[in-house]
Protein backbone atom coordinates (compact mmCIF):
# COMPACT_ATOMS: atom_id res chain seq x y z
CA MET A 1 37.04 19.67 1.86
CA LEU A 2 39.18 17.58 -0.46
CA ILE A 3 39.77 15.06 2.31
CA ARG A 4 36.04 14.79 2.95
CA PHE A 5 35.41 14.27 -0.78
CA LEU A 6 38.05 11.54 -0.94
CA TRP A 7 36.61 9.93 2.21
CA HIS A 8 33.13 9.97 0.67
CA TRP A 9 34.48 8.51 -2.58
CA LEU A 10 36.26 5.73 -0.69
CA VAL A 11 33.16 4.93 1.38
CA LEU A 12 30.97 4.76 -1.73
CA ALA A 13 33.49 2.56 -3.54
CA LEU A 14 33.64 0.25 -0.52
CA GLY A 15 29.85 0.22 -0.29
CA LEU A 16 29.50 -0.62 -3.97
CA TYR A 17 32.05 -3.41 -3.54
CA LEU A 18 30.16 -4.81 -0.55
CA ILE A 19 26.83 -4.85 -2.38
CA THR A 20 28.46 -6.80 -5.22
CA LEU A 21 29.30 -9.53 -2.68
CA VAL A 22 25.61 -9.97 -1.84
CA PRO A 23 23.87 -12.28 -4.36
CA LEU A 24 21.81 -9.56 -6.03
CA GLY A 25 23.45 -9.87 -9.45
CA ILE A 26 25.18 -6.48 -9.22
CA SER A 27 28.75 -6.79 -10.51
CA PHE A 28 31.68 -4.86 -11.90
CA ASP A 29 34.45 -5.71 -14.34
CA SER A 30 37.47 -3.94 -12.83
CA ARG A 31 38.46 -1.76 -9.90
CA GLU A 32 38.57 1.25 -12.19
CA ASP A 33 34.91 0.70 -13.10
CA LEU A 34 34.07 0.55 -9.40
CA ALA A 35 35.91 3.82 -8.74
CA TRP A 36 34.20 5.51 -11.70
CA ALA A 37 30.83 4.24 -10.51
CA ALA A 38 31.43 5.74 -7.07
CA LEU A 39 32.50 9.06 -8.63
CA ILE A 40 29.41 9.15 -10.86
CA LEU A 41 27.21 8.38 -7.83
CA ILE A 42 28.74 11.31 -5.94
CA LEU A 43 28.06 13.64 -8.87
CA VAL A 44 24.51 12.39 -9.43
CA ASN A 45 23.68 12.57 -5.71
CA THR A 46 25.03 16.11 -5.59
CA ILE A 47 23.48 17.53 -8.75
CA ILE A 48 20.60 15.43 -10.07
CA LYS A 49 19.13 13.84 -6.93
CA PRO A 50 17.92 17.16 -5.42
CA ILE A 51 16.17 17.94 -8.71
CA LEU A 52 14.49 14.50 -8.67
CA ILE A 53 13.39 15.05 -5.08
CA LEU A 54 11.96 18.45 -5.94
CA ILE A 55 10.07 17.06 -8.93
CA SER A 56 8.67 14.18 -6.90
CA LEU A 57 8.11 16.16 -3.69
CA PRO A 58 4.36 15.36 -3.50
CA LEU A 59 5.13 11.63 -3.64
CA VAL A 60 7.94 11.97 -1.12
CA LEU A 61 5.62 13.80 1.29
CA LEU A 62 2.72 11.43 0.67
CA THR A 63 4.86 8.36 1.40
CA LEU A 64 6.59 10.08 4.36
CA GLY A 65 9.97 9.88 2.62
CA LEU A 66 9.81 6.27 1.51
CA PHE A 67 9.79 7.34 -2.14
CA LEU A 68 13.41 8.39 -1.63
CA PHE A 69 14.28 4.66 -1.71
CA ILE A 70 12.75 4.49 -5.20
CA ILE A 71 14.78 7.52 -6.29
CA ASN A 72 17.96 5.87 -4.99
CA ALA A 73 17.05 2.67 -6.84
CA ILE A 74 16.46 4.60 -10.07
CA ILE A 75 19.88 6.24 -9.72
CA LEU A 76 21.59 2.90 -9.08
CA TYR A 77 19.66 1.24 -11.92
CA THR A 78 20.78 3.88 -14.43
CA LEU A 79 24.42 3.80 -13.28
CA PRO A 80 25.46 1.18 -15.90
CA ASP A 81 24.45 3.63 -18.63
CA PHE A 82 27.33 5.87 -17.52
CA VAL A 83 29.85 3.22 -16.40
CA HIS A 84 29.83 0.33 -18.84
CA GLY A 85 31.84 -1.99 -16.59
CA PHE A 86 29.28 -1.82 -13.80
CA HIS A 87 26.24 -4.11 -14.12
CA VAL A 88 22.83 -3.94 -12.45
CA PRO A 89 20.55 -6.64 -13.88
CA SER A 90 17.10 -5.54 -12.67
CA PHE A 91 15.25 -2.81 -10.83
CA THR A 92 14.61 -5.18 -7.91
CA SER A 93 18.33 -5.77 -7.43
CA ALA A 94 18.91 -2.02 -7.76
CA PHE A 95 16.27 -1.39 -5.07
CA PHE A 96 17.77 -3.81 -2.57
CA GLY A 97 21.28 -2.76 -3.52
CA SER A 98 20.42 0.88 -2.88
CA LEU A 99 18.99 -0.04 0.54
CA LEU A 100 22.22 -1.83 1.45
CA LEU A 101 24.33 1.01 0.04
CA SER A 102 22.34 3.51 2.12
CA LEU A 103 22.94 1.47 5.27
CA ILE A 104 26.66 1.11 4.60
CA THR A 105 27.25 4.76 3.77
CA SER A 106 25.17 5.95 6.73
CA CYS A 107 27.31 3.87 9.10
CA PHE A 108 30.54 5.37 7.75
CA THR A 109 29.08 8.87 7.59
CA GLY A 110 27.99 8.57 11.21
CA TYR A 111 31.51 7.48 12.15
CA GLU A 112 32.98 10.48 10.30
CA ARG A 113 30.64 12.88 12.11
CA ARG A 114 31.51 11.40 15.51
CA VAL A 115 35.24 11.73 14.83
CA SER A 116 34.92 15.33 13.62
CA ALA A 117 32.74 16.21 16.66
CA ARG A 118 35.45 14.84 18.95
CA ARG A 119 38.05 16.98 17.18
CA MET A 120 35.92 20.09 17.63
CA ASP A 121 35.31 19.32 21.33
CA ALA A 122 39.03 18.80 21.94
CA GLY A 123 39.85 22.08 20.18
CA ASN A 124 37.48 24.18 22.28
CA ASN A 125 39.31 23.74 25.59
CA SER A 126 40.12 27.36 26.36
CA GLY A 127 40.21 26.89 30.11
CA LYS A 128 37.56 29.58 30.72
CA VAL A 129 34.57 28.09 32.44
CA ILE A 130 31.51 29.90 33.70
CA ASP A 131 29.77 27.78 36.28
CA ILE A 132 26.31 28.78 37.44
């Protein structure tokens, strides 16, 4: 579980770094600020995001889940309030940054799931086969 947490933290930090390379205006002052921003994002996505989804459930259902992009943008836009070395200039840049961050983290999360599925398949070779 600790390894998965560290993997998630590393992926989020890498994703935040990659969205600062895109000319959206999102920036950070030091590597420590980037690491803190990733840690805060993990905590907010774990604790506060489900509450926001529950509160806005009618909008999420009405928009067929597209309102989740707005929730992600709100979370990214408020991140500089908690990490002062991380800068998000506008809600528009937060929206497009959250889209890119979602794409980046989903690619790495998919890779992690494929690797863990291979480990489970390799561990289940007991030699007992029932063929019908």
